[in-house]
Amino acid sequence: MNTASFKQDYRERIVPTLIKEFGYKSVMQVPKLEKIVLNQGLGAAVADRKIIDNAISEMTAITGQKAVQTLSTKDVSNFKLRRKMPIGVRVTLRGDRMYEFLERLTRMALPRVRDFRGISNKLDGRGNYTLGIQEQIIFPEINIDNVSRLTGMNISFVTTAKTDEEGYALLREFGLPFKKD
């Protein structure tokens, strides 16, 4: 399937399904996926600068878009942390890259998780969803031989949905494998 497939699927299948399910009057009322944000917090990077560089290259390989480092905002002496030290990596995906990443996540990465039984169906109250992943090696772009340490990440799906039910329905239609209660 090509990259336009998830975008096309949204227009041709998901929009009519959600209009029927929620009784929207206009296509413009149908919630849509605004962006996907991938974030990795790397506390160990305080001691070793190479951890950030490795994380940036891995995250760039996973998403196809250059990752940026996140900087600390405060001094925390217990963690040997100073203001403006790099402590994480982040990527924000929109448009075609967002749909391409979503397709690879649902079709290739999540099925590779060990003992996978579906993802939690708890949204944030405003129709957005954050998925936590323990290991970056579930993505096929990561070469296991080059990984120095296993790091997890948070993947946040930001939607225009007003309620959790609408956001859940949108993400379910995109193929996110939610657990059955």
C-alpha atoms as a PDB file:
ATOM      1  CA  MET A   1       0.000   0.000   0.000  1.00  0.00           C
ATOM      2  CA  ASN A   2       1.307   3.470  -0.795  1.00  0.00           C
ATOM      3  CA  THR A   3       1.581   6.376   1.656  1.00  0.00           C
ATOM      4  CA  ALA A   4      -1.558   8.091   0.407  1.00  0.00           C
ATOM      5  CA  SER A   5      -3.542   5.000   1.391  1.00  0.00           C
ATOM      6  CA  PHE A   6      -4.167   5.995   5.042  1.00  0.00           C
ATOM      7  CA  LYS A   7      -5.063   9.550   4.002  1.00  0.00           C
ATOM      8  CA  GLN A   8      -7.374   8.205   1.281  1.00  0.00           C
ATOM      9  CA  ASP A   9      -8.824   5.633   3.709  1.00  0.00           C
ATOM     10  CA  TYR A  10      -9.624   8.497   6.091  1.00  0.00           C
ATOM     11  CA  ARG A  11     -11.532  10.415   3.412  1.00  0.00           C
ATOM     12  CA  GLU A  12     -13.295   7.480   1.779  1.00  0.00           C
ATOM     13  CA  ARG A  13     -14.063   5.089   4.666  1.00  0.00           C
ATOM     14  CA  ILE A  14     -13.444   6.644   8.092  1.00  0.00           C
ATOM     15  CA  VAL A  15     -15.262   9.981   7.540  1.00  0.00           C
ATOM     16  CA  PRO A  16     -18.553   8.340   6.378  1.00  0.00           C
ATOM     17  CA  THR A  17     -18.307   5.767   9.214  1.00  0.00           C
ATOM     18  CA  LEU A  18     -17.896   8.494  11.872  1.00  0.00           C
ATOM     19  CA  ILE A  19     -20.661  10.654  10.328  1.00  0.00           C
ATOM     20  CA  LYS A  20     -23.000   7.664  10.629  1.00  0.00           C
ATOM     21  CA  GLU A  21     -21.828   6.759  14.154  1.00  0.00           C
ATOM     22  CA  PHE A  22     -22.024  10.268  15.669  1.00  0.00           C
ATOM     23  CA  GLY A  23     -24.630  11.896  13.392  1.00  0.00           C
ATOM     24  CA  TYR A  24     -22.493  14.835  12.230  1.00  0.00           C
ATOM     25  CA  LYS A  25     -24.196  17.357   9.928  1.00  0.00           C
ATOM     26  CA  SER A  26     -21.019  18.314   8.044  1.00  0.00           C
ATOM     27  CA  VAL A  27     -17.768  16.645   6.993  1.00  0.00           C
ATOM     28  CA  MET A  28     -15.949  19.474   8.801  1.00  0.00           C
ATOM     29  CA  GLN A  29     -17.304  18.245  12.163  1.00  0.00           C
ATOM     30  CA  VAL A  30     -15.605  14.854  11.786  1.00  0.00           C
ATOM     31  CA  PRO A  31     -12.518  14.656  14.020  1.00  0.00           C
ATOM     32  CA  LYS A  32      -9.182  14.222  12.293  1.00  0.00           C
ATOM     33  CA  LEU A  33      -5.661  13.324  13.280  1.00  0.00           C
ATOM     34  CA  GLU A  34      -3.728  16.583  13.658  1.00  0.00           C
ATOM     35  CA  LYS A  35      -0.242  15.347  14.529  1.00  0.00           C
ATOM     36  CA  ILE A  36       1.734  12.503  16.068  1.00  0.00           C
ATOM     37  CA  VAL A  37       4.457  13.431  18.563  1.00  0.00           C
ATOM     38  CA  LEU A  38       7.199  10.951  19.490  1.00  0.00           C
ATOM     39  CA  ASN A  39       9.101  11.752  22.670  1.00  0.00           C
ATOM     40  CA  GLN A  40      11.987  10.009  24.417  1.00  0.00           C
ATOM     41  CA  GLY A  41      13.123  11.091  27.878  1.00  0.00           C
ATOM     42  CA  LEU A  42      16.763  10.169  28.407  1.00  0.00           C
ATOM     43  CA  GLY A  43      17.807  10.924  31.969  1.00  0.00           C
ATOM     44  CA  ALA A  44      21.035   8.950  31.526  1.00  0.00           C
ATOM     45  CA  ALA A  45      22.127  11.497  28.909  1.00  0.00           C
ATOM     46  CA  VAL A  46      23.257  13.785  31.746  1.00  0.00           C
ATOM     47  CA  ALA A  47      26.346  11.579  32.159  1.00  0.00           C
ATOM     48  CA  ASP A  48      26.893  10.520  28.520  1.00  0.00           C
ATOM     49  CA  ARG A  49      26.384  12.870  25.553  1.00  0.00           C
ATOM     50  CA  LYS A  50      26.506  10.006  22.998  1.00  0.00           C
ATOM     51  CA  ILE A  51      23.134   8.707  24.246  1.00  0.00           C
ATOM     52  CA  ILE A  52      21.386  11.782  22.804  1.00  0.00           C
ATOM     53  CA  ASP A  53      23.208  11.436  19.460  1.00  0.00           C
ATOM     54  CA  ASN A  54      22.230   7.744  19.218  1.00  0.00           C
ATOM     55  CA  ALA A  55      18.618   8.556  20.131  1.00  0.00           C
ATOM     56  CA  ILE A  56      18.452  11.322  17.507  1.00  0.00           C
ATOM     57  CA  SER A  57      19.722   8.998  14.767  1.00  0.00           C
ATOM     58  CA  GLU A  58      17.341   6.174  15.817  1.00  0.00           C
ATOM     59  CA  MET A  59      14.314   8.482  16.038  1.00  0.00           C
ATOM     60  CA  THR A  60      15.205  10.020  12.657  1.00  0.00           C
ATOM     61  CA  ALA A  61      15.399   6.524  11.131  1.00  0.00           C
ATOM     62  CA  ILE A  62      12.037   5.517  12.638  1.00  0.00           C
ATOM     63  CA  THR A  63      10.136   8.622  11.527  1.00  0.00           C
ATOM     64  CA  GLY A  64      11.952   9.770   8.401  1.00  0.00           C
ATOM     65  CA  GLN A  65      12.162  13.259   9.878  1.00  0.00           C
ATOM     66  CA  LYS A  66      15.054  14.874  11.787  1.00  0.00           C
ATOM     67  CA  ALA A  67      14.634  14.558  15.547  1.00  0.00           C
ATOM     68  CA  VAL A  68      15.422  17.475  17.872  1.00  0.00           C
ATOM     69  CA  GLN A  69      16.843  17.327  21.368  1.00  0.00           C
ATOM     70  CA  THR A  70      14.808  18.597  24.301  1.00  0.00           C
ATOM     71  CA  LEU A  71      16.529  20.658  26.975  1.00  0.00           C
ATOM     72  CA  SER A  72      15.979  20.758  30.723  1.00  0.00           C
ATOM     73  CA  THR A  73      14.237  23.834  32.090  1.00  0.00           C
ATOM     74  CA  LYS A  74      15.508  23.672  35.693  1.00  0.00           C
ATOM     75  CA  ASP A  75      18.559  22.863  37.755  1.00  0.00           C
ATOM     76  CA  VAL A  76      18.100  19.662  39.790  1.00  0.00           C
ATOM     77  CA  SER A  77      21.167  19.018  41.919  1.00  0.00           C
ATOM     78  CA  ASN A  78      20.096  15.497  42.990  1.00  0.00           C
ATOM     79  CA  PHE A  79      20.191  14.376  39.348  1.00  0.00           C
ATOM     80  CA  LYS A  80      23.327  16.414  38.468  1.00  0.00           C
ATOM     81  CA  LEU A  81      21.128  18.278  36.024  1.00  0.00           C
ATOM     82  CA  ARG A  82      21.756  21.851  34.885  1.00  0.00           C
ATOM     83  CA  ARG A  83      19.455  24.172  32.977  1.00  0.00           C
ATOM     84  CA  LYS A  84      19.531  23.784  29.165  1.00  0.00           C
ATOM     85  CA  MET A  85      21.207  20.357  29.271  1.00  0.00           C
ATOM     86  CA  PRO A  86      19.901  17.914  26.640  1.00  0.00           C
ATOM     87  CA  ILE A  87      17.689  15.310  28.336  1.00  0.00           C
ATOM     88  CA  GLY A  88      15.498  13.926  25.563  1.00  0.00           C
ATOM     89  CA  VAL A  89      14.575  13.668  21.896  1.00  0.00           C
ATOM     90  CA  ARG A  90      11.345  14.656  20.151  1.00  0.00           C
ATOM     91  CA  VAL A  91       9.771  14.514  16.679  1.00  0.00           C
ATOM     92  CA  THR A  92       6.442  16.020  15.581  1.00  0.00           C
ATOM     93  CA  LEU A  93       4.894  14.446  12.480  1.00  0.00           C
ATOM     94  CA  ARG A  94       2.152  16.043  10.390  1.00  0.00           C
ATOM     95  CA  GLY A  95       0.638  15.422   6.953  1.00  0.00           C
ATOM     96  CA  ASP A  96       1.916  12.582   4.764  1.00  0.00           C
ATOM     97  CA  ARG A  97       4.760  11.608   7.116  1.00  0.00           C
ATOM     98  CA  MET A  98       2.235  11.281   9.953  1.00  0.00           C
ATOM     99  CA  TYR A  99       0.023   8.900   7.939  1.00  0.00           C
ATOM    100  CA  GLU A 100       3.062   6.948   6.747  1.00  0.00           C
ATOM    101  CA  PHE A 101       4.309   6.530  10.334  1.00  0.00           C
ATOM    102  CA  LEU A 102       0.833   5.517  11.569  1.00  0.00           C
ATOM    103  CA  GLU A 103       0.629   2.865   8.871  1.00  0.00           C
ATOM    104  CA  ARG A 104       4.054   1.417   9.783  1.00  0.00           C
ATOM    105  CA  LEU A 105       3.191   1.534  13.504  1.00  0.00           C
ATOM    106  CA  THR A 106      -0.099  -0.360  13.134  1.00  0.00           C
ATOM    107  CA  ARG A 107       0.992  -2.823  10.427  1.00  0.00           C
ATOM    108  CA  MET A 108       4.633  -3.589  11.288  1.00  0.00           C
ATOM    109  CA  ALA A 109       5.817  -2.306  14.679  1.00  0.00           C
ATOM    110  CA  LEU A 110       2.985  -3.152  17.111  1.00  0.00           C
ATOM    111  CA  PRO A 111       2.595  -6.752  15.851  1.00  0.00           C
ATOM    112  CA  ARG A 112       6.303  -7.266  16.734  1.00  0.00           C
ATOM    113  CA  VAL A 113       5.750  -6.520  20.452  1.00  0.00           C
ATOM    114  CA  ARG A 114       6.226  -9.612  22.609  1.00  0.00           C
ATOM    115  CA  ASP A 115       3.082 -10.948  24.350  1.00  0.00           C
ATOM    116  CA  PHE A 116       0.982  -8.230  22.688  1.00  0.00           C
ATOM    117  CA  ARG A 117      -2.643  -8.169  23.819  1.00  0.00           C
ATOM    118  CA  GLY A 118      -3.693  -4.763  22.516  1.00  0.00           C
ATOM    119  CA  ILE A 119      -3.151  -1.215  23.742  1.00  0.00           C
ATOM    120  CA  SER A 120      -4.954   0.509  26.610  1.00  0.00           C
ATOM    121  CA  ASN A 121      -8.098   2.386  25.653  1.00  0.00           C
ATOM    122  CA  LYS A 122      -7.664   5.292  28.090  1.00  0.00           C
ATOM    123  CA  LEU A 123      -7.686   8.679  26.374  1.00  0.00           C
ATOM    124  CA  ASP A 124      -6.829  12.022  28.032  1.00  0.00           C
ATOM    125  CA  GLY A 125     -10.352  13.454  28.320  1.00  0.00           C
ATOM    126  CA  ARG A 126      -9.980  15.659  25.225  1.00  0.00           C
ATOM    127  CA  GLY A 127      -9.846  12.971  22.513  1.00  0.00           C
ATOM    128  CA  ASN A 128      -6.050  12.595  22.461  1.00  0.00           C
ATOM    129  CA  TYR A 129      -4.139   9.377  23.125  1.00  0.00           C
ATOM    130  CA  THR A 130      -0.611   8.592  24.313  1.00  0.00           C
ATOM    131  CA  LEU A 131       0.943   5.188  23.776  1.00  0.00           C
ATOM    132  CA  GLY A 132       4.004   4.095  25.731  1.00  0.00           C
ATOM    133  CA  ILE A 133       6.496   1.746  24.095  1.00  0.00           C
ATOM    134  CA  GLN A 134       9.174  -0.029  26.170  1.00  0.00           C
ATOM    135  CA  GLU A 135      11.681  -0.856  23.417  1.00  0.00           C
ATOM    136  CA  GLN A 136      12.588   1.011  20.249  1.00  0.00           C
ATOM    137  CA  ILE A 137      13.618  -2.269  18.562  1.00  0.00           C
ATOM    138  CA  ILE A 138      10.019  -3.075  17.529  1.00  0.00           C
ATOM    139  CA  PHE A 139      10.503  -0.714  14.588  1.00  0.00           C
ATOM    140  CA  PRO A 140      11.948  -2.482  11.531  1.00  0.00           C
ATOM    141  CA  GLU A 141      14.205   0.535  10.778  1.00  0.00           C
ATOM    142  CA  ILE A 142      16.293  -0.151  13.897  1.00  0.00           C
ATOM    143  CA  ASN A 143      19.188  -2.592  13.449  1.00  0.00           C
ATOM    144  CA  ILE A 144      19.394  -4.618  16.674  1.00  0.00           C
ATOM    145  CA  ASP A 145      23.170  -5.072  16.335  1.00  0.00           C
ATOM    146  CA  ASN A 146      23.754  -1.297  16.504  1.00  0.00           C
ATOM    147  CA  VAL A 147      21.603  -0.701  19.615  1.00  0.00           C
ATOM    148  CA  SER A 148      23.682   0.136  22.683  1.00  0.00           C
ATOM    149  CA  ARG A 149      20.746   0.439  25.118  1.00  0.00           C
ATOM    150  CA  LEU A 150      17.013  -0.232  24.997  1.00  0.00           C
ATOM    151  CA  THR A 151      15.006   2.959  25.370  1.00  0.00           C
ATOM    152  CA  GLY A 152      11.272   3.448  25.442  1.00  0.00           C
ATOM    153  CA  MET A 153       9.237   6.281  24.009  1.00  0.00           C
ATOM    154  CA  ASN A 154       5.845   7.937  24.194  1.00  0.00           C
ATOM    155  CA  ILE A 155       3.797   8.324  21.032  1.00  0.00           C
ATOM    156  CA  SER A 156       1.036  10.943  21.345  1.00  0.00           C
ATOM    157  CA  PHE A 157      -1.830  11.088  18.859  1.00  0.00           C
ATOM    158  CA  VAL A 158      -3.336  14.593  18.818  1.00  0.00           C
ATOM    159  CA  THR A 159      -6.821  14.739  17.292  1.00  0.00           C
ATOM    160  CA  THR A 160      -9.427  17.454  16.751  1.00  0.00           C
ATOM    161  CA  ALA A 161     -11.994  15.328  18.611  1.00  0.00           C
ATOM    162  CA  LYS A 162     -14.000  17.059  21.344  1.00  0.00           C
ATOM    163  CA  THR A 163     -14.624  13.927  23.448  1.00  0.00           C
ATOM    164  CA  ASP A 164     -12.841  10.666  24.248  1.00  0.00           C
ATOM    165  CA  GLU A 165     -15.507   8.615  22.430  1.00  0.00           C
ATOM    166  CA  GLU A 166     -14.906  10.529  19.202  1.00  0.00           C
ATOM    167  CA  GLY A 167     -11.122  10.264  19.544  1.00  0.00           C
ATOM    168  CA  TYR A 168     -11.348   6.558  20.369  1.00  0.00           C
ATOM    169  CA  ALA A 169     -13.601   5.911  17.354  1.00  0.00           C
ATOM    170  CA  LEU A 170     -11.208   7.798  15.037  1.00  0.00           C
ATOM    171  CA  LEU A 171      -8.113   5.922  16.240  1.00  0.00           C
ATOM    172  CA  ARG A 172      -9.981   2.591  16.214  1.00  0.00           C
ATOM    173  CA  GLU A 173     -10.926   3.168  12.569  1.00  0.00           C
ATOM    174  CA  PHE A 174      -7.269   3.919  11.747  1.00  0.00           C
ATOM    175  CA  GLY A 175      -6.480   0.428  13.003  1.00  0.00           C
ATOM    176  CA  LEU A 176      -4.919   0.980  16.429  1.00  0.00           C
ATOM    177  CA  PRO A 177      -5.356  -2.386  18.203  1.00  0.00           C
ATOM    178  CA  PHE A 178      -7.211  -1.380  21.384  1.00  0.00           C
ATOM    179  CA  LYS A 179      -7.880  -4.021  24.069  1.00  0.00           C
ATOM    180  CA  LYS A 180     -11.370  -5.404  24.228  1.00  0.00           C
ATOM    181  CA  ASP A 181     -12.861  -4.818  27.693  1.00  0.00           C
END
